[in-house]
Amino acid sequence: MASPSRLRAAALPWPRTTALTTAAVLLAALLAGCGDDDVSTGATASLASLTTQTLDWTACPAPDEAEGGGTAPSPLPNGATWECATMRAPLDWSRPQGSTIGISLIRARASGPASERIGSLIFNFGGPGGSGVTALPAFVQDYATLRTRYDLVSFDPRGVGRSAPVTCKTDAQLDTFFQQDATPDDATERAQLVQRTRNFNTGCETRSGEVLPHVRTTDAARDIDLMRRVLGDSKLHYFGISYGTQLGGVYAHLFPAHVGRAVFDGVVDPTQNPEQSALGQAKGFQLALGNFAEDCVSKPEGCPLGDTRQDVENRIAKLLADLDKKPIPGIAPRLLTQTAATNGIAQSLYSKDFWEYLTEGLEQAYDGDGKVLMVLSDAMNGRDENGHYSNITSANVAINCADEKPRYTVADVQRVLPEFRAASPLFGDFLAWGMVGCTDWAVPGASYHPDVSAPGSAPILAVGNTGDPATPYEGARRMAEALGTGVGVQLTFKGQGHGAYDSKDPCVQSKVNAYLLNGTIPKAGSVCG
């Protein structure tokens, strides 16, 4: 349950997203020595007034703390300015005439001739819980070709960033929360984990109780359709990554006649319940770790982490076992715990570009220095170098728990632990115990898995990466099948990391671009790489 943008709270499944840019900024620092902010619930409005609202596009401010902080986005390559606005949407879509919230948007206008403009291309980069307002500027260079004919648009989904953000704990409390032991070894540790999870969930209800019932993926999908109308598009052109593919599939199910050209990359398996999804991630991250180890030992200069793939994996397993007993210095005053180290390793497996940092982090950890692995862990959890957290963890938990009907118990986890450990000696325990994250959640879950059947929709291209740790490859095929005959079209990429388009593989990019720009869908079952 993860994706391109990032995250995960200890004792919960890793998110469907990865903000790799945050990790890059933090690592660089270490190794070197939008618009209207009124996004709380507010005035009432009729649905007619919402669909005819005019957006007030202005220069984008710096991201706020919930979005991850930082500076205002730099000018676009052609000198154009990023534009931000706030769209009003119903808090409760079952009562569209009631209170509203603000959905924060960002836009880069099309760079090509107006006569060739297709419309808006709306992005969701995953999570759930990732800020699209910060992600789009970070990745915009990758989509320069698409920008020639589209306005590139992204947003903070409800519950995220500036869009009525869910908050659960203070920064100091989150520091403590992420230090917890996420793989209990005895009854006392199991009770502590359950109590800490309950305390976190109670904090969400206390601080954000009004919003929690209204952050389901179906709510976000309805926001996107309102966005389509407000932007003036007759069809939704969409690029969903990781959790963004689930959101796109739910949109297609609800509004099949409104789907234009849509691409899903790093595809979530819509047929699985949370237990099956967590098990799939255990297998996916173990596969990615093995691929990392294989790459390391194949280098002509040799691998500093071991002589064989199994040797590398065994040393990592021993490090984690040792950290469970005795943490090492991380970023003072925090220690690198087993939980933080596992988070850091998982973060680095989202992209092959981060394997060098994983190698360096492990080398240092073997020598008693946990700084690099802790930086990677902080990136996973949305913590900046000043100790401030974005709300990605709170939003991730809130959206997942509102979506997912099962509420697992300690007994449920103990039942499946052998299967999870067999799937992944390193990640199995963490992902199995993460299943208790929604126990005692204040809002009932919606379903066992999302309905994405979309008869009558235009074709949707589902791109699966054979080496994807967070959304295993099989998800693309199952999404294509679940969308329905004549709708879902699968493209395979034989590569590493989470997602395919941002790998810059020319085959993948040419096929995706051909569909989004010219409407040319690749032959089903096409393979790149």
Protein backbone atom coordinates (compact mmCIF):
# COMPACT_ATOMS: atom_id res chain seq x y z
CA MET A 1 0.00 0.00 0.00
CA ALA A 2 2.52 2.55 -1.02
CA SER A 3 3.40 4.89 -3.95
CA PRO A 4 5.39 7.83 -5.53
CA SER A 5 5.33 10.49 -2.97
CA ARG A 6 5.71 8.70 0.36
CA LEU A 7 5.22 7.70 4.00
CA ARG A 8 4.38 5.45 6.85
CA ALA A 9 3.71 5.51 10.46
CA ALA A 10 5.30 2.81 12.51
CA ALA A 11 2.87 -0.03 13.07
CA LEU A 12 0.92 0.84 9.96
CA PRO A 13 1.33 -0.25 6.32
CA TRP A 14 3.59 1.96 4.28
CA PRO A 15 1.69 4.49 2.20
CA ARG A 16 0.99 4.36 -1.47
CA THR A 17 3.28 7.29 -2.33
CA THR A 18 6.99 8.58 -2.02
CA ALA A 19 8.20 12.15 -1.81
CA LEU A 20 11.65 11.28 -3.05
CA THR A 21 12.52 14.94 -3.45
CA THR A 22 12.20 15.49 0.31
CA ALA A 23 14.67 12.70 0.97
CA ALA A 24 17.05 14.09 -1.65
CA VAL A 25 17.01 17.54 -0.04
CA LEU A 26 17.57 16.15 3.45
CA LEU A 27 20.34 13.85 2.29
CA ALA A 28 22.07 16.63 0.39
CA ALA A 29 22.05 18.77 3.53
CA LEU A 30 23.37 15.92 5.65
CA LEU A 31 26.03 14.64 3.27
CA ALA A 32 27.27 18.15 2.56
CA GLY A 33 28.29 18.51 6.18
CA CYS A 34 -1.64 27.99 -2.90
CA GLY A 35 -3.49 30.81 -2.95
CA ASP A 36 -6.29 31.14 -0.42
CA ASP A 37 -5.48 29.54 2.92
CA ASP A 38 -9.14 29.46 4.03
CA VAL A 39 -9.65 25.73 3.73
CA SER A 40 -11.40 24.96 6.99
CA THR A 41 -15.04 24.07 6.99
CA GLY A 42 -17.02 27.21 6.43
CA ALA A 43 -19.96 28.79 4.68
CA THR A 44 -22.71 26.80 3.07
CA ALA A 45 -23.23 26.77 -0.69
CA SER A 46 -25.54 25.18 -3.24
CA LEU A 47 -24.18 22.62 -5.70
CA ALA A 48 -25.07 24.96 -8.56
CA SER A 49 -22.98 27.75 -7.08
CA LEU A 50 -20.06 25.34 -6.60
CA THR A 51 -20.09 24.07 -10.17
CA THR A 52 -20.15 27.63 -11.53
CA GLN A 53 -17.54 29.08 -9.16
CA THR A 54 -14.66 31.06 -10.63
CA LEU A 55 -11.20 30.22 -9.34
CA ASP A 56 -8.97 33.09 -8.27
CA TRP A 57 -5.58 32.03 -9.62
CA THR A 58 -2.66 33.88 -8.00
CA ALA A 59 1.08 33.38 -7.53
CA CYS A 60 1.73 30.38 -5.31
CA PRO A 61 2.85 30.92 -1.71
CA ALA A 62 5.47 28.79 0.00
CA PRO A 63 4.08 25.41 1.09
CA ASP A 64 2.73 25.49 4.62
CA GLU A 65 3.81 23.10 7.36
CA ALA A 66 1.08 20.56 6.60
CA GLU A 67 2.31 20.42 2.99
CA GLY A 68 5.89 19.88 4.12
CA GLY A 69 7.17 23.46 4.21
CA GLY A 70 9.85 24.92 1.98
CA THR A 71 9.94 27.79 -0.47
CA ALA A 72 7.51 28.94 -3.15
CA PRO A 73 7.93 27.00 -6.42
CA SER A 74 10.56 28.37 -8.79
CA PRO A 75 9.46 29.81 -12.13
CA LEU A 76 8.74 27.27 -14.85
CA PRO A 77 11.43 26.56 -17.47
CA ASN A 78 9.89 29.05 -19.93
CA GLY A 79 9.73 31.71 -17.23
CA ALA A 80 6.02 31.28 -16.58
CA THR A 81 4.70 31.53 -13.04
CA TRP A 82 3.03 28.77 -11.09
CA GLU A 83 -0.59 29.59 -10.24
CA CYS A 84 -2.51 28.51 -7.14
CA ALA A 85 -6.19 28.70 -6.22
CA THR A 86 -8.71 27.26 -3.80
CA MET A 87 -11.83 25.44 -4.98
CA ARG A 88 -14.79 25.19 -2.64
CA ALA A 89 -16.31 21.72 -2.28
CA PRO A 90 -18.98 20.24 -0.01
CA LEU A 91 -17.68 18.88 3.27
CA ASP A 92 -20.32 16.15 2.99
CA TRP A 93 -21.14 15.11 -0.58
CA SER A 94 -24.40 13.57 0.62
CA ARG A 95 -25.40 17.11 1.64
CA PRO A 96 -23.88 19.29 -1.09
CA GLN A 97 -25.87 22.31 0.08
CA GLY A 98 -24.14 22.20 3.50
CA SER A 99 -20.78 23.40 4.79
CA THR A 100 -17.86 23.64 2.39
CA ILE A 101 -14.12 23.06 2.53
CA GLY A 102 -11.37 24.45 0.33
CA ILE A 103 -9.41 22.21 -2.03
CA SER A 104 -5.99 23.70 -2.77
CA LEU A 105 -4.93 23.61 -6.45
CA ILE A 106 -1.77 24.37 -8.42
CA ARG A 107 -1.42 24.86 -12.16
CA ALA A 108 1.26 25.21 -14.83
CA ARG A 109 -0.34 26.55 -17.99
CA ALA A 110 0.31 24.76 -21.29
CA SER A 111 3.54 25.86 -22.94
CA GLY A 112 2.47 25.25 -26.55
CA PRO A 113 0.17 27.15 -28.91
CA ALA A 114 -3.35 27.73 -27.60
CA SER A 115 -4.74 26.13 -30.78
CA GLU A 116 -3.12 22.80 -29.80
CA ARG A 117 -4.20 22.81 -26.14
CA ILE A 118 -6.24 19.73 -25.19
CA GLY A 119 -7.34 20.87 -21.72
CA SER A 120 -6.22 20.21 -18.15
CA LEU A 121 -4.27 17.11 -17.13
CA ILE A 122 -4.96 16.46 -13.45
CA PHE A 123 -2.32 14.61 -11.41
CA ASN A 124 -2.55 12.68 -8.17
CA PHE A 125 0.90 11.50 -7.02
CA GLY A 126 -0.25 9.03 -4.40
CA GLY A 127 -0.10 8.43 -0.70
CA PRO A 128 -2.82 8.61 0.23
CA GLY A 129 -1.82 11.80 1.97
CA GLY A 130 0.73 13.29 -0.41
CA SER A 131 0.46 16.98 -1.30
CA GLY A 132 0.00 17.43 -5.04
CA VAL A 133 0.62 21.16 -4.63
CA THR A 134 4.22 20.42 -3.60
CA ALA A 135 4.73 17.29 -5.75
CA LEU A 136 3.88 18.77 -9.16
CA PRO A 137 6.59 21.46 -9.06
CA ALA A 138 9.10 18.86 -7.86
CA PHE A 139 8.42 16.53 -10.82
CA VAL A 140 7.29 19.00 -13.50
CA GLN A 141 10.42 18.58 -15.63
CA ASP A 142 9.42 14.95 -16.20
CA TYR A 143 6.15 16.09 -17.77
CA ALA A 144 7.48 18.86 -20.04
CA THR A 145 6.28 17.05 -23.17
CA LEU A 146 2.77 16.66 -21.78
CA ARG A 147 2.73 20.33 -20.82
CA THR A 148 3.02 21.32 -24.47
CA ARG A 149 -0.69 20.53 -24.90
CA TYR A 150 -2.08 20.44 -21.36
CA ASP A 151 -2.36 22.73 -18.39
CA LEU A 152 -0.74 20.56 -15.71
CA VAL A 153 -2.91 20.65 -12.57
CA SER A 154 -2.55 19.00 -9.18
CA PHE A 155 -4.14 19.44 -5.77
CA ASP A 156 -4.08 18.60 -2.10
CA PRO A 157 -6.89 16.06 -1.70
CA ARG A 158 -9.33 16.62 1.16
CA GLY A 159 -7.63 15.91 4.48
CA VAL A 160 -4.21 16.71 3.00
CA GLY A 161 -1.94 19.77 3.10
CA ARG A 162 -4.00 22.96 2.84
CA SER A 163 -7.24 21.12 2.06
CA ALA A 164 -8.93 20.80 5.47
CA PRO A 165 -5.93 18.84 6.78
CA VAL A 166 -6.30 16.02 9.26
CA THR A 167 -3.99 16.42 12.25
CA CYS A 168 -3.47 13.87 15.01
CA LYS A 169 -0.34 14.69 17.03
CA THR A 170 2.20 17.46 17.65
CA ASP A 171 5.69 17.28 16.18
CA ALA A 172 7.15 16.16 19.50
CA GLN A 173 4.48 13.49 19.88
CA LEU A 174 5.18 12.23 16.36
CA ASP A 175 8.88 11.96 17.14
CA THR A 176 7.95 9.66 20.01
CA PHE A 177 5.40 7.77 17.93
CA PHE A 178 7.90 6.97 15.18
CA GLN A 179 10.44 5.66 17.70
CA GLN A 180 8.05 2.97 18.91
CA ASP A 181 8.74 -0.72 18.50
CA ALA A 182 6.53 -1.75 15.58
CA THR A 183 7.30 -5.48 15.85
CA PRO A 184 6.34 -6.60 19.37
CA ASP A 185 8.02 -9.71 20.70
CA ASP A 186 5.89 -10.48 23.77
CA ALA A 187 2.53 -9.73 25.37
CA THR A 188 3.78 -6.56 27.06
CA GLU A 189 5.12 -5.09 23.82
CA ARG A 190 1.94 -6.10 21.97
CA ALA A 191 -0.19 -4.29 24.52
CA GLN A 192 2.02 -1.21 24.25
CA LEU A 193 1.74 -1.15 20.47
CA VAL A 194 -2.05 -1.44 20.58
CA GLN A 195 -2.28 1.32 23.20
CA ARG A 196 -0.01 3.66 21.22
CA THR A 197 -2.06 3.07 18.09
CA ARG A 198 -5.26 3.75 20.02
CA ASN A 199 -3.79 6.97 21.41
CA PHE A 200 -2.81 8.11 17.90
CA ASN A 201 -6.28 7.38 16.55
CA THR A 202 -7.92 9.17 19.48
CA GLY A 203 -5.75 12.18 18.72
CA CYS A 204 -7.06 12.22 15.16
CA GLU A 205 -10.65 12.17 16.39
CA THR A 206 -10.01 14.91 18.96
CA ARG A 207 -8.25 17.26 16.54
CA SER A 208 -10.05 16.47 13.26
CA GLY A 209 -13.29 14.70 14.11
CA GLU A 210 -15.42 16.88 11.84
CA VAL A 211 -13.39 15.95 8.76
CA LEU A 212 -12.73 12.23 9.38
CA PRO A 213 -16.06 10.91 8.00
CA HIS A 214 -15.53 12.80 4.74
CA VAL A 215 -12.05 11.83 3.51
CA ARG A 216 -12.92 8.62 1.66
CA THR A 217 -11.61 8.07 -1.85
CA THR A 218 -15.16 8.38 -3.15
CA ASP A 219 -15.30 11.90 -1.69
CA ALA A 220 -12.01 12.83 -3.38
CA ALA A 221 -13.28 11.40 -6.68
CA ARG A 222 -16.33 13.65 -6.50
CA ASP A 223 -14.01 16.59 -5.79
CA ILE A 224 -12.12 15.75 -8.98
CA ASP A 225 -15.30 15.76 -11.03
CA LEU A 226 -16.20 19.14 -9.58
CA MET A 227 -12.65 20.27 -10.43
CA ARG A 228 -13.10 19.08 -14.01
CA ARG A 229 -16.23 21.17 -14.36
CA VAL A 230 -14.78 24.26 -12.70
CA LEU A 231 -11.70 24.04 -14.95
CA GLY A 232 -14.01 24.01 -17.97
CA ASP A 233 -13.24 20.50 -19.28
CA SER A 234 -15.93 18.27 -20.76
CA LYS A 235 -13.79 15.17 -20.02
CA LEU A 236 -11.32 14.35 -17.27
CA HIS A 237 -7.77 13.85 -18.51
CA TYR A 238 -5.89 12.25 -15.64
CA PHE A 239 -2.48 10.92 -14.58
CA GLY A 240 -2.66 8.87 -11.37
CA ILE A 241 0.38 7.41 -9.63
CA SER A 242 0.31 4.78 -6.87
CA TYR A 243 -2.73 5.53 -4.66
CA GLY A 244 -3.65 7.96 -7.46
CA THR A 245 -4.50 4.89 -9.55
CA GLN A 246 -7.03 3.77 -6.94
CA LEU A 247 -8.50 7.26 -6.89
CA GLY A 248 -8.65 7.26 -10.67
CA GLY A 249 -10.30 3.85 -10.74
CA VAL A 250 -12.95 4.95 -8.26
CA TYR A 251 -13.54 8.09 -10.37
CA ALA A 252 -13.97 5.96 -13.50
CA HIS A 253 -16.49 3.77 -11.68
CA LEU A 254 -18.52 6.77 -10.51
CA PHE A 255 -18.23 8.86 -13.70
CA PRO A 256 -17.37 6.55 -16.64
CA ALA A 257 -18.91 8.89 -19.21
CA HIS A 258 -16.65 11.72 -18.03
CA VAL A 259 -13.32 9.88 -18.49
CA GLY A 260 -11.12 11.28 -21.24
CA ARG A 261 -7.51 10.12 -21.57
CA ALA A 262 -6.25 8.52 -18.35
CA VAL A 263 -3.00 6.84 -17.33
CA PHE A 264 -2.43 4.82 -14.14
CA ASP A 265 1.22 4.26 -13.13
CA GLY A 266 2.43 2.19 -10.16
CA VAL A 267 -0.96 0.54 -10.00
CA VAL A 268 -2.77 -0.41 -6.79
CA ASP A 269 -4.45 -3.83 -6.94
CA PRO A 270 -8.17 -3.02 -6.52
CA THR A 271 -9.17 -6.64 -5.89
CA GLN A 272 -7.31 -7.05 -2.58
CA ASN A 273 -8.44 -6.43 0.98
CA PRO A 274 -5.97 -4.72 3.37
CA GLU A 275 -4.47 -8.00 4.56
CA GLN A 276 -3.81 -9.16 1.01
CA SER A 277 -2.41 -5.77 0.08
CA ALA A 278 -0.03 -5.75 3.05
CA LEU A 279 1.15 -9.27 2.17
CA GLY A 280 1.71 -8.14 -1.40
CA GLN A 281 3.82 -5.25 -0.18
CA ALA A 282 5.87 -7.61 1.99
CA LYS A 283 6.69 -9.65 -1.10
CA GLY A 284 7.31 -6.51 -3.16
CA PHE A 285 9.74 -4.89 -0.74
CA GLN A 286 11.58 -8.17 -0.23
CA LEU A 287 11.92 -8.53 -4.01
CA ALA A 288 13.22 -4.97 -4.29
CA LEU A 289 15.71 -5.54 -1.47
CA GLY A 290 16.98 -8.64 -3.23
CA ASN A 291 17.35 -6.69 -6.47
CA PHE A 292 19.29 -4.01 -4.60
CA ALA A 293 21.60 -6.65 -3.10
CA GLU A 294 22.10 -8.33 -6.46
CA ASP A 295 23.00 -5.00 -8.04
CA CYS A 296 25.47 -4.23 -5.27
CA VAL A 297 27.39 -7.52 -5.54
CA SER A 298 27.48 -7.31 -9.34
CA LYS A 299 29.51 -4.08 -9.37
CA PRO A 300 33.08 -4.46 -10.70
CA GLU A 301 34.48 -2.55 -7.71
CA GLY A 302 32.77 -4.95 -5.33
CA CYS A 303 30.01 -4.50 -2.78
CA PRO A 304 30.85 -3.03 0.64
CA LEU A 305 27.80 -4.73 2.16
CA GLY A 306 28.63 -8.36 1.41
CA ASP A 307 29.97 -10.84 -1.12
CA THR A 308 26.70 -12.43 -2.23
CA ARG A 309 23.04 -11.42 -2.38
CA GLN A 310 22.26 -13.65 0.59
CA ASP A 311 25.21 -12.26 2.53
CA VAL A 312 23.94 -8.70 2.01
CA GLU A 313 20.42 -9.64 3.12
CA ASN A 314 21.72 -11.56 6.15
CA ARG A 315 23.82 -8.59 7.33
CA ILE A 316 20.83 -6.25 7.01
CA ALA A 317 18.68 -8.70 8.97
CA LYS A 318 21.33 -8.87 11.72
CA LEU A 319 21.54 -5.06 11.86
CA LEU A 320 17.78 -4.81 12.38
CA ALA A 321 17.81 -7.52 15.05
CA ASP A 322 20.66 -5.74 16.86
CA LEU A 323 18.82 -2.40 16.69
CA ASP A 324 15.78 -4.03 18.27
CA LYS A 325 17.93 -4.70 21.32
CA LYS A 326 20.15 -1.61 21.25
CA PRO A 327 19.53 1.46 19.03
CA ILE A 328 22.50 3.49 17.77
CA PRO A 329 22.94 7.27 17.49
CA GLY A 330 20.88 8.77 14.70
CA ILE A 331 20.22 12.49 14.43
CA ALA A 332 20.68 13.82 17.95
CA PRO A 333 18.95 13.52 20.27
CA ARG A 334 17.06 10.74 18.49
CA LEU A 335 18.37 7.20 18.19
CA LEU A 336 18.12 4.95 15.15
CA THR A 337 15.75 2.22 16.24
CA GLN A 338 14.83 -0.95 14.42
CA THR A 339 11.60 0.74 13.30
CA ALA A 340 13.38 3.84 11.96
CA ALA A 341 15.99 1.76 10.15
CA THR A 342 13.33 -0.38 8.49
CA ASN A 343 11.45 2.73 7.40
CA GLY A 344 14.68 4.17 5.97
CA ILE A 345 15.46 0.99 4.04
CA ALA A 346 11.93 0.89 2.64
CA GLN A 347 12.11 4.55 1.59
CA SER A 348 15.29 3.94 -0.40
CA LEU A 349 13.69 1.04 -2.30
CA TYR A 350 11.12 3.32 -3.93
CA SER A 351 13.69 4.40 -6.52
CA LYS A 352 16.87 2.90 -7.89
CA ASP A 353 18.32 6.42 -7.70
CA PHE A 354 18.35 6.00 -3.92
CA TRP A 355 20.24 2.72 -3.79
CA GLU A 356 23.57 4.54 -3.38
CA TYR A 357 22.18 6.28 -0.28
CA LEU A 358 21.02 2.95 1.10
CA THR A 359 24.50 1.53 0.60
CA GLU A 360 26.07 4.48 2.38
CA GLY A 361 23.47 4.40 5.15
CA LEU A 362 24.03 0.71 5.83
CA GLU A 363 27.81 1.08 5.80
CA GLN A 364 27.58 3.85 8.37
CA ALA A 365 25.06 1.95 10.49
CA TYR A 366 27.39 -1.06 10.64
CA ASP A 367 29.95 1.37 12.11
CA GLY A 368 27.46 2.70 14.67
CA ASP A 369 26.29 5.85 12.83
CA GLY A 370 22.58 5.96 11.98
CA LYS A 371 22.32 9.44 10.43
CA VAL A 372 21.68 8.53 6.79
CA LEU A 373 19.13 5.82 7.55
CA MET A 374 17.37 8.22 9.90
CA VAL A 375 17.21 10.90 7.20
CA LEU A 376 15.61 8.35 4.88
CA SER A 377 13.18 7.37 7.64
CA ASP A 378 12.31 11.01 8.26
CA ALA A 379 11.55 11.42 4.56
CA MET A 380 9.22 8.43 4.72
CA ASN A 381 7.40 10.02 7.65
CA GLY A 382 7.23 13.59 6.33
CA ARG A 383 9.69 15.15 8.83
CA ASP A 384 11.90 18.03 7.71
CA GLU A 385 15.36 18.93 9.02
CA ASN A 386 13.82 21.37 11.49
CA GLY A 387 11.70 18.71 13.15
CA HIS A 388 8.39 19.72 11.59
CA TYR A 389 6.10 17.09 10.14
CA SER A 390 3.79 17.42 7.18
CA ASN A 391 0.37 15.89 7.73
CA ILE A 392 1.06 12.97 5.38
CA THR A 393 0.96 10.40 8.19
CA SER A 394 -2.28 11.71 9.68
CA ALA A 395 -3.92 11.95 6.26
CA ASN A 396 -2.67 8.53 5.20
CA VAL A 397 -4.16 6.88 8.26
CA ALA A 398 -7.43 8.81 8.02
CA ILE A 399 -8.03 8.04 4.34
CA ASN A 400 -7.03 4.38 4.58
CA CYS A 401 -9.14 3.80 7.68
CA ALA A 402 -12.16 5.56 6.15
CA ASP A 403 -11.82 3.45 3.01
CA GLU A 404 -11.05 0.02 4.48
CA LYS A 405 -13.80 -1.95 6.21
CA PRO A 406 -11.75 -4.63 8.07
CA ARG A 407 -10.68 -3.94 11.65
CA TYR A 408 -7.93 -6.41 12.54
CA THR A 409 -7.08 -7.66 16.02
CA VAL A 410 -3.88 -8.90 17.63
CA ALA A 411 -5.18 -12.43 17.11
CA ASP A 412 -5.62 -11.74 13.39
CA VAL A 413 -2.01 -10.60 13.12
CA GLN A 414 -0.70 -13.60 15.03
CA ARG A 415 -2.65 -15.86 12.66
CA VAL A 416 -0.99 -14.41 9.54
CA LEU A 417 2.51 -13.75 10.90
CA PRO A 418 4.00 -17.04 9.59
CA GLU A 419 2.83 -16.25 6.05
CA PHE A 420 4.12 -12.68 6.23
CA ARG A 421 7.49 -13.82 7.58
CA ALA A 422 7.79 -16.38 4.80
CA ALA A 423 7.05 -13.66 2.26
CA SER A 424 9.63 -11.29 3.77
CA PRO A 425 12.02 -12.03 6.61
CA LEU A 426 12.84 -8.30 6.81
CA PHE A 427 9.52 -6.55 6.23
CA GLY A 428 6.93 -9.23 7.07
CA ASP A 429 6.54 -8.47 10.78
CA PHE A 430 6.26 -4.72 10.19
CA LEU A 431 3.56 -5.01 7.56
CA ALA A 432 1.61 -7.66 9.47
CA TRP A 433 1.52 -5.59 12.67
CA GLY A 434 0.55 -2.57 10.60
CA MET A 435 -2.83 -4.24 10.09
CA VAL A 436 -3.96 -3.08 13.55
CA GLY A 437 -3.62 0.57 12.56
CA CYS A 438 -7.34 1.10 11.98
CA THR A 439 -8.52 -0.77 15.07
CA ASP A 440 -10.60 1.59 17.25
CA TRP A 441 -10.84 4.12 14.40
CA ALA A 442 -13.71 6.55 14.93
CA VAL A 443 -15.24 6.15 11.46
CA PRO A 444 -16.45 2.86 9.91
CA GLY A 445 -14.57 1.71 6.83
CA ALA A 446 -16.39 1.84 3.51
CA SER A 447 -15.54 -1.48 1.83
CA TYR A 448 -13.20 -4.45 1.63
CA HIS A 449 -11.73 -3.16 -1.63
CA PRO A 450 -12.58 -0.36 -4.07
CA ASP A 451 -15.03 -0.86 -6.93
CA VAL A 452 -13.37 0.30 -10.15
CA SER A 453 -15.58 -1.33 -12.76
CA ALA A 454 -16.17 1.32 -15.40
CA PRO A 455 -18.31 0.09 -18.32
CA GLY A 456 -18.64 2.80 -20.94
CA SER A 457 -15.40 4.57 -19.96
CA ALA A 458 -12.77 5.57 -22.50
CA PRO A 459 -9.66 3.36 -22.44
CA ILE A 460 -7.42 3.67 -19.37
CA LEU A 461 -3.74 2.76 -19.64
CA ALA A 462 -2.41 0.81 -16.61
CA VAL A 463 1.40 0.72 -16.44
CA GLY A 464 2.96 -1.96 -14.25
CA ASN A 465 6.63 -2.18 -13.20
CA THR A 466 7.96 -5.71 -12.62
CA GLY A 467 10.32 -4.49 -9.87
CA ASP A 468 7.87 -2.23 -8.03
CA PRO A 469 8.09 -2.74 -4.24
CA ALA A 470 5.10 -0.67 -3.15
CA THR A 471 2.48 -1.57 -5.75
CA PRO A 472 3.53 -5.00 -7.01
CA TYR A 473 3.37 -5.65 -10.74
CA GLU A 474 0.32 -7.94 -10.60
CA GLY A 475 -1.80 -4.94 -9.62
CA ALA A 476 -1.67 -3.48 -13.13
CA ARG A 477 -3.16 -6.60 -14.68
CA ARG A 478 -5.85 -6.87 -12.04
CA MET A 479 -6.72 -3.18 -12.38
CA ALA A 480 -7.01 -3.52 -16.17
CA GLU A 481 -9.28 -6.54 -15.75
CA ALA A 482 -11.39 -4.89 -13.05
CA LEU A 483 -11.92 -1.74 -15.13
CA GLY A 484 -13.55 -3.98 -17.71
CA THR A 485 -13.21 -5.22 -21.25
CA GLY A 486 -12.40 -2.43 -23.65
CA VAL A 487 -11.48 -0.08 -20.79
CA GLY A 488 -8.36 -1.34 -19.01
CA VAL A 489 -5.22 -1.67 -21.18
CA GLN A 490 -2.01 -2.97 -19.58
CA LEU A 491 1.55 -1.87 -20.38
CA THR A 492 4.48 -3.69 -18.72
CA PHE A 493 7.79 -2.08 -17.79
CA LYS A 494 10.67 -4.39 -16.83
CA GLY A 495 12.40 -2.08 -14.39
CA GLN A 496 13.08 -1.17 -10.78
CA GLY A 497 11.45 1.25 -8.35
CA HIS A 498 7.97 2.53 -7.77
CA GLY A 499 6.23 3.55 -10.97
CA ALA A 500 7.49 3.58 -14.55
CA TYR A 501 7.08 6.97 -16.28
CA ASP A 502 9.50 8.78 -13.97
CA SER A 503 12.15 6.14 -14.65
CA LYS A 504 12.59 8.11 -17.90
CA ASP A 505 12.48 4.89 -19.92
CA PRO A 506 11.97 6.16 -23.50
CA CYS A 507 9.65 3.29 -24.44
CA VAL A 508 7.31 3.89 -21.51
CA GLN A 509 7.30 7.64 -21.98
CA SER A 510 6.68 7.43 -25.72
CA LYS A 511 3.68 5.13 -25.28
CA VAL A 512 2.18 7.18 -22.45
CA ASN A 513 2.77 10.43 -24.34
CA ALA A 514 1.26 9.01 -27.52
CA TYR A 515 -1.96 8.25 -25.68
CA LEU A 516 -2.24 11.44 -23.67
CA LEU A 517 -1.20 13.73 -26.52
CA ASN A 518 -2.63 11.95 -29.58
CA GLY A 519 -5.15 9.42 -28.27
CA THR A 520 -3.10 6.47 -29.55
CA ILE A 521 -3.53 3.63 -27.06
CA PRO A 522 -0.79 0.96 -27.13
CA LYS A 523 -1.65 -2.62 -27.91
CA ALA A 524 -2.77 -4.46 -24.79
CA GLY A 525 0.08 -6.48 -23.29
CA SER A 526 2.84 -4.26 -24.71
CA VAL A 527 6.20 -4.55 -22.93
CA CYS A 528 8.99 -2.01 -22.39
CA GLY A 529 12.43 -2.65 -20.97
